[in-house]
Protein backbone atom coordinates (compact mmCIF):
# COMPACT_ATOMS: atom_id res chain seq x y z
CA MET A 1 21.67 -24.26 -80.21
CA ASN A 2 19.30 -24.89 -77.19
CA ARG A 3 17.98 -21.87 -75.48
CA LEU A 4 15.82 -21.76 -72.05
CA ASN A 5 13.09 -20.38 -71.69
CA PRO A 6 12.69 -17.56 -69.15
CA LEU A 7 11.27 -20.02 -66.89
CA GLY A 8 13.59 -22.74 -67.70
CA ALA A 9 16.35 -20.38 -66.75
CA ALA A 10 14.84 -19.42 -63.53
CA ILE A 11 14.36 -23.22 -62.41
CA LEU A 12 18.02 -23.67 -63.52
CA LEU A 13 19.35 -21.18 -61.57
CA ALA A 14 17.09 -21.86 -58.63
CA THR A 15 18.32 -25.49 -58.43
CA SER A 16 22.37 -23.93 -58.74
CA CYS A 17 21.99 -21.77 -55.66
CA ALA A 18 20.06 -24.44 -53.45
CA VAL A 19 23.15 -26.92 -54.70
CA THR A 20 25.67 -24.11 -53.73
CA ALA A 21 24.12 -23.54 -50.50
CA ALA A 22 24.36 -27.35 -49.66
CA GLU A 23 28.06 -27.45 -50.51
CA THR A 24 29.07 -25.62 -47.59
CA ARG A 25 27.53 -27.15 -44.44
CA PRO A 26 28.58 -24.92 -41.16
CA VAL A 27 31.09 -26.62 -39.10
CA LEU A 28 32.47 -25.15 -35.61
CA VAL A 29 35.69 -26.52 -33.54
CA ILE A 30 36.60 -25.10 -30.10
CA HIS A 31 38.90 -26.25 -27.86
CA GLY A 32 39.66 -24.96 -24.12
CA GLY A 33 43.44 -26.60 -23.77
CA ALA A 34 46.15 -28.57 -24.32
CA GLY A 35 47.80 -30.36 -21.46
CA VAL A 36 44.99 -32.34 -19.73
CA VAL A 37 46.42 -34.70 -17.12
CA ARG A 38 43.84 -37.56 -16.66
CA SER A 39 45.27 -38.09 -13.00
CA ASP A 40 44.80 -34.38 -11.76
CA MET A 41 41.28 -34.24 -13.18
CA THR A 42 38.39 -34.90 -10.63
CA ALA A 43 34.75 -36.05 -11.33
CA THR A 44 33.62 -32.44 -10.45
CA ILE A 45 36.03 -30.70 -12.82
CA GLU A 46 35.57 -32.93 -15.73
CA ALA A 47 31.61 -32.42 -15.51
CA ASP A 48 32.02 -28.63 -15.43
CA VAL A 49 34.70 -28.49 -18.32
CA ARG A 50 32.19 -30.81 -20.52
CA ALA A 51 29.42 -28.52 -19.58
CA ALA A 52 30.88 -25.25 -20.60
CA LEU A 53 32.38 -26.66 -23.78
CA LEU A 54 28.76 -27.72 -24.64
CA LYS A 55 27.70 -24.49 -23.81
CA ALA A 56 30.07 -22.92 -25.49
CA VAL A 57 30.32 -24.98 -29.20
CA ASN A 58 26.38 -24.67 -28.77
CA ALA A 59 26.38 -21.01 -28.48
CA GLY A 60 28.60 -20.76 -31.54
CA TYR A 61 27.39 -22.71 -33.60
CA ALA A 62 23.73 -21.38 -33.05
CA GLU A 63 25.42 -18.36 -34.41
CA LEU A 64 26.35 -20.49 -38.02
CA LYS A 65 22.70 -22.03 -37.95
CA SER A 66 21.12 -18.59 -38.17
CA GLY A 67 23.33 -17.68 -41.29
CA LYS A 68 25.63 -15.25 -39.16
CA PRO A 69 29.49 -15.15 -40.32
CA ALA A 70 32.60 -17.59 -39.08
CA LEU A 71 33.87 -14.35 -36.71
CA ASP A 72 30.48 -14.37 -35.10
CA ALA A 73 30.50 -18.17 -34.16
CA VAL A 74 34.07 -17.84 -33.11
CA THR A 75 33.52 -14.87 -30.58
CA ALA A 76 30.18 -16.15 -29.14
CA ALA A 77 32.20 -19.42 -28.40
CA ILE A 78 35.41 -17.67 -27.14
CA THR A 79 33.45 -15.11 -25.08
CA VAL A 80 31.24 -18.23 -23.20
CA LEU A 81 35.23 -19.86 -22.68
CA GLU A 82 36.38 -16.52 -21.42
CA ASP A 83 33.71 -15.84 -18.87
CA ASP A 84 34.18 -19.26 -17.38
CA PRO A 85 36.68 -19.99 -14.53
CA ASN A 86 37.75 -23.19 -15.48
CA PHE A 87 39.41 -22.33 -18.30
CA ASN A 88 42.50 -19.81 -18.45
CA ALA A 89 41.28 -17.21 -20.47
CA GLY A 90 39.30 -14.41 -19.17
CA LYS A 91 38.01 -15.49 -15.60
CA GLY A 92 39.79 -17.82 -13.90
CA ALA A 93 43.30 -16.71 -16.19
CA VAL A 94 46.76 -17.65 -14.38
CA PHE A 95 48.55 -14.84 -12.42
CA THR A 96 52.21 -12.97 -13.50
CA HIS A 97 55.24 -13.32 -11.25
CA ASP A 98 53.91 -9.89 -9.46
CA GLY A 99 50.57 -11.46 -9.03
CA HIS A 100 48.56 -9.93 -11.70
CA ASN A 101 46.13 -11.53 -14.31
CA GLU A 102 47.47 -10.41 -18.03
CA LEU A 103 45.27 -11.36 -21.04
CA ASP A 104 46.26 -11.89 -24.81
CA SER A 105 43.61 -12.40 -27.69
CA ALA A 106 43.42 -12.68 -31.29
CA ILE A 107 40.94 -12.95 -34.10
CA MET A 108 41.25 -13.32 -37.66
CA ASP A 109 38.84 -13.42 -41.11
CA GLY A 110 40.06 -16.10 -43.50
CA SER A 111 38.48 -14.41 -46.16
CA THR A 112 39.92 -11.14 -45.91
CA LEU A 113 43.24 -11.79 -43.85
CA LYS A 114 41.92 -9.19 -41.62
CA ALA A 115 43.11 -9.80 -38.12
CA GLY A 116 43.27 -7.88 -34.76
CA ALA A 117 45.10 -8.82 -31.47
CA ILE A 118 45.57 -7.42 -28.01
CA ALA A 119 48.05 -8.28 -25.81
CA GLY A 120 48.97 -7.75 -21.52
CA VAL A 121 45.64 -6.39 -20.65
CA ARG A 122 44.39 -6.47 -16.98
CA THR A 123 40.74 -5.00 -16.93
CA VAL A 124 39.18 -6.22 -20.59
CA ARG A 125 36.43 -8.70 -19.33
CA ASN A 126 36.27 -10.44 -22.69
CA PRO A 127 39.80 -10.17 -24.61
CA ILE A 128 38.20 -11.61 -27.74
CA LEU A 129 35.89 -8.76 -28.28
CA LEU A 130 38.39 -6.31 -27.76
CA ALA A 131 40.73 -8.14 -30.49
CA ARG A 132 37.88 -7.89 -32.89
CA SER A 133 37.03 -4.34 -32.33
CA VAL A 134 40.83 -3.80 -32.98
CA MET A 135 40.40 -5.61 -36.49
CA GLU A 136 37.05 -3.75 -37.45
CA LYS A 137 37.57 -0.41 -35.60
CA SER A 138 41.33 0.29 -36.20
CA PRO A 139 43.87 0.42 -39.18
CA HIS A 140 45.92 -1.63 -36.87
CA VAL A 141 46.24 -5.45 -36.02
CA MET A 142 47.96 -5.54 -32.69
CA MET A 143 47.92 -3.31 -29.75
CA ALA A 144 49.16 -4.06 -26.01
CA GLY A 145 48.78 -3.01 -22.51
CA ARG A 146 47.53 0.39 -21.57
CA GLY A 147 46.83 1.27 -24.94
CA ALA A 148 44.80 -1.44 -25.57
CA GLU A 149 42.91 -0.66 -22.62
CA ASP A 150 42.26 3.10 -23.83
CA PHE A 151 41.28 1.90 -27.41
CA ALA A 152 38.66 -0.48 -25.34
CA LYS A 153 37.19 2.20 -23.28
CA ALA A 154 36.58 4.44 -26.42
CA ASN A 155 34.72 2.02 -28.46
CA GLY A 156 32.56 0.40 -25.52
CA ILE A 157 34.14 -2.51 -24.86
CA THR A 158 33.23 -3.79 -21.20
CA LEU A 159 36.35 -2.87 -18.13
CA VAL A 160 36.13 -4.80 -15.02
CA GLU A 161 38.34 -4.12 -11.99
CA PRO A 162 41.08 -6.77 -12.00
CA ALA A 163 39.55 -8.74 -9.08
CA TYR A 164 37.32 -10.08 -11.49
CA PHE A 165 39.82 -12.24 -12.90
CA ARG A 166 40.68 -13.75 -10.00
CA THR A 167 40.13 -17.31 -8.90
CA GLU A 168 41.78 -19.04 -5.66
CA ARG A 169 43.09 -22.40 -7.51
CA ARG A 170 44.95 -19.94 -10.04
CA TRP A 171 45.99 -17.84 -7.14
CA GLN A 172 47.35 -20.97 -5.20
CA GLN A 173 48.77 -22.31 -8.33
CA LEU A 174 51.21 -18.92 -8.42
CA GLN A 175 52.19 -19.60 -4.70
CA LYS A 176 53.04 -22.95 -5.54
CA ALA A 177 55.68 -22.12 -8.29
CA LEU A 178 56.43 -19.36 -6.41
CA ALA A 179 57.74 -21.19 -3.42
CA GLU A 180 59.24 -23.83 -6.16
CA GLU A 181 60.94 -21.44 -8.00
CA LYS A 182 62.51 -20.18 -4.47
CA ALA A 183 63.69 -23.57 -3.64
CA GLY A 184 65.33 -24.45 -6.99
CA VAL A 185 63.09 -27.37 -7.79
CA ALA A 186 60.83 -28.21 -10.83
CA HIS A 187 57.27 -27.42 -11.18
CA ALA A 188 54.80 -30.26 -9.60
CA ASP A 189 51.99 -28.98 -11.07
CA PRO A 190 51.85 -30.05 -14.47
CA GLU A 191 49.50 -26.63 -15.67
CA THR A 192 52.27 -24.38 -14.30
CA ALA A 193 55.19 -26.90 -15.80
CA LYS A 194 53.75 -27.61 -18.98
CA HIS A 195 52.28 -23.90 -19.73
CA PHE A 196 48.79 -24.91 -20.86
CA GLY A 197 45.25 -23.55 -20.64
CA THR A 198 44.59 -21.47 -23.73
CA VAL A 199 40.99 -21.51 -25.48
CA GLY A 200 39.87 -20.79 -29.02
CA ALA A 201 37.63 -21.55 -31.89
CA VAL A 202 37.79 -22.03 -35.56
CA ALA A 203 34.67 -21.92 -37.82
CA LEU A 204 33.18 -22.02 -41.17
CA ASP A 205 29.76 -20.17 -42.56
CA ARG A 206 27.34 -20.98 -44.97
CA SER A 207 29.16 -18.64 -47.32
CA GLY A 208 32.34 -20.62 -47.43
CA HIS A 209 34.34 -18.50 -44.95
CA LEU A 210 36.63 -19.37 -42.45
CA ALA A 211 38.11 -17.82 -38.96
CA ALA A 212 39.93 -18.48 -36.23
CA GLY A 213 40.11 -16.93 -32.85
CA THR A 214 42.31 -17.69 -29.63
CA SER A 215 42.18 -16.09 -25.89
CA THR A 216 44.80 -16.77 -23.06
CA GLY A 217 46.19 -15.86 -19.87
CA GLY A 218 49.22 -17.35 -20.71
CA MET A 219 51.58 -18.76 -18.20
CA THR A 220 52.01 -18.66 -14.51
CA ASN A 221 54.66 -17.12 -13.19
CA LYS A 222 55.41 -15.03 -16.09
CA ARG A 223 57.83 -12.47 -16.04
CA PHE A 224 58.46 -9.13 -17.99
CA GLY A 225 55.66 -8.95 -20.09
CA ARG A 226 56.39 -12.25 -21.62
CA ILE A 227 53.66 -12.77 -24.60
CA GLY A 228 53.13 -16.07 -25.96
CA ASP A 229 52.20 -17.29 -29.16
CA SER A 230 47.76 -16.79 -28.83
CA PRO A 231 47.75 -13.04 -29.80
CA VAL A 232 50.50 -12.99 -32.73
CA ILE A 233 49.12 -14.00 -36.22
CA GLY A 234 50.69 -17.10 -37.91
CA ALA A 235 51.80 -18.48 -34.57
CA GLY A 236 49.03 -19.25 -32.34
CA THR A 237 45.81 -17.95 -34.41
CA TYR A 238 45.69 -18.17 -38.38
CA ALA A 239 42.91 -18.08 -40.96
CA ASP A 240 42.69 -17.69 -45.27
CA ALA A 241 40.88 -18.98 -47.71
CA ASN A 242 41.76 -22.52 -47.40
CA CYS A 243 42.10 -23.41 -43.35
CA ALA A 244 41.70 -21.87 -40.07
CA VAL A 245 43.77 -22.97 -36.92
CA SER A 246 44.06 -21.97 -33.33
CA GLY A 247 46.64 -23.06 -31.37
CA THR A 248 47.17 -24.28 -27.63
CA GLY A 249 50.63 -25.34 -26.07
CA TRP A 250 53.97 -23.93 -25.05
CA GLY A 251 53.99 -20.86 -26.65
CA GLU A 252 57.40 -20.41 -27.20
CA PHE A 253 57.70 -23.29 -29.94
CA TYR A 254 54.59 -22.33 -31.63
CA LEU A 255 55.74 -18.91 -32.09
CA ARG A 256 59.51 -20.17 -33.20
CA THR A 257 57.45 -22.99 -36.00
CA VAL A 258 54.88 -20.27 -36.75
CA ALA A 259 52.56 -23.16 -36.20
CA ALA A 260 49.41 -22.09 -37.44
CA HIS A 261 50.39 -20.37 -40.76
CA SER A 262 52.68 -23.37 -40.95
CA ILE A 263 49.87 -25.73 -40.78
CA CYS A 264 47.51 -23.51 -43.66
CA MET A 265 50.45 -23.06 -46.13
CA ARG A 266 51.11 -27.03 -45.86
CA VAL A 267 46.93 -27.13 -47.13
CA GLY A 268 47.24 -24.70 -49.03
CA LEU A 269 50.75 -24.35 -51.32
CA LEU A 270 51.46 -28.33 -50.37
CA LYS A 271 47.87 -29.45 -50.91
CA GLN A 272 48.59 -31.76 -47.92
CA PRO A 273 45.30 -32.87 -46.37
CA LEU A 274 44.43 -30.94 -43.18
CA ALA A 275 45.03 -33.61 -40.52
CA GLU A 276 48.27 -34.60 -42.13
CA ALA A 277 49.40 -30.99 -42.29
CA ALA A 278 48.34 -30.35 -39.15
CA ALA A 279 49.66 -33.62 -37.26
CA GLN A 280 53.09 -32.70 -38.78
CA VAL A 281 53.52 -29.28 -37.03
CA ILE A 282 52.02 -30.12 -33.88
CA ASN A 283 53.23 -33.75 -33.35
CA LYS A 284 56.58 -33.41 -35.26
CA ASP A 285 58.18 -30.17 -36.11
CA ILE A 286 57.16 -28.69 -32.46
CA PRO A 287 58.34 -31.67 -30.06
CA LYS A 288 61.49 -32.27 -32.36
CA LEU A 289 62.60 -28.63 -30.97
CA GLY A 290 60.89 -29.61 -27.48
CA GLY A 291 57.74 -28.14 -27.00
CA ASP A 292 54.31 -29.82 -26.74
CA GLY A 293 50.45 -29.04 -26.99
CA GLY A 294 47.91 -29.32 -29.59
CA ALA A 295 45.79 -27.28 -31.93
CA ILE A 296 42.10 -27.74 -34.06
CA ALA A 297 42.15 -26.96 -37.42
CA LEU A 298 39.32 -26.45 -40.09
CA ALA A 299 39.63 -26.63 -43.61
CA ALA A 300 37.50 -24.77 -46.15
CA ASP A 301 35.81 -28.43 -47.04
CA GLY A 302 34.77 -28.85 -43.43
CA SER A 303 37.67 -31.31 -42.93
CA MET A 304 38.76 -31.10 -39.32
CA ALA A 305 41.90 -31.81 -36.92
CA MET A 306 42.29 -31.61 -33.65
CA PRO A 307 45.81 -32.94 -32.76
CA PHE A 308 47.61 -32.68 -29.62
CA ASN A 309 50.69 -34.70 -28.11
CA THR A 310 49.56 -34.80 -24.28
CA ASP A 311 47.08 -36.75 -22.11
CA GLY A 312 43.93 -34.91 -23.31
CA MET A 313 42.80 -31.68 -24.70
CA PHE A 314 39.79 -29.99 -23.81
CA ARG A 315 37.62 -29.73 -26.97
CA ALA A 316 34.17 -29.89 -29.07
CA TRP A 317 32.82 -29.54 -32.69
CA VAL A 318 29.66 -29.53 -34.76
CA GLY A 319 30.50 -31.05 -38.04
CA ALA A 320 28.30 -32.01 -41.18
CA ASP A 321 26.04 -33.92 -38.90
CA GLY A 322 24.82 -30.86 -37.00
CA VAL A 323 25.48 -32.68 -33.61
CA ALA A 324 27.23 -31.68 -30.66
CA HIS A 325 30.79 -33.34 -29.69
CA VAL A 326 32.56 -33.08 -26.38
CA ALA A 327 36.02 -34.78 -26.06
CA ILE A 328 38.82 -34.59 -23.17
CA TYR A 329 41.27 -37.55 -23.68
CA ALA A 330 42.69 -39.10 -26.44
CA ASP A 331 41.13 -42.66 -26.60
CA GLU A 332 38.00 -40.62 -27.00
CA GLY A 333 38.55 -39.97 -30.43
CA ASP A 334 37.80 -36.98 -32.63
CA LEU A 335 34.56 -37.85 -35.05
CA ALA A 336 36.16 -35.29 -37.28
CA ASP A 337 34.91 -36.70 -41.17
């Protein structure tokens, strides 16, 4: 029987650990919403959006590169997007029928299945931070409205005056939607008509753990406290040991198909490749019911998928090459392998 001397054993252990560490390279994928209409994009807006996506993906990947967990990367990236008025999350969120900004968000840790979500808040600067606080500092998964804001105040989450979220662009979108509604005509603005604009992130850290997060202002002119898929675990946001997903699109259809969970179940139980699983749900199951949109998905092996069935989807990623990539339109392609 061969035996290793203590030095040989130590060398073998060190080599094994080095190989294990090398096998899990951090990966981050983010989105700033599907439903992009190429003809509506000005050069200025496109440049601003690309710069914001690059800033967000770099902020998140810096966390992963320093050895931080996937949750930190997701939080860092989404916070940048929530602070940028070009996206429908945080500052720059769309308005409800009554002229308010109501924000929803969720985050999930794939290694523990712990999750936190908030809905219908009006004074929380960064909803993703509150969602994470719900996950880490309460026995609950979801809080809504005034109660969620009380919890935010009790836990040191930054609150702002409602006027902080207002942008003239979003206000004019509401006025147009109200006028069209009164006249009984269809919305001419694609962003209003197609219910898009969510932001999200999925990450894989050095430990091989996955996480997902999503944040949104919902849909322009929404009524009656409407809540979409973004803060609903399994619909717009989900992560487990096999995959992580953040969706963006017509929320009612993501809710009905339990879209994010469906993708991960296909990967985990049916052993489908991530790209195949994501395409089935986003580009077949949801359109079959009349919905549309996109999603970002990330598997434990580092493979990525970014399906969408609109002109474009704001997205950025850092894969195994360690290089940040930004894309908007379908013909730009995704360097996902």
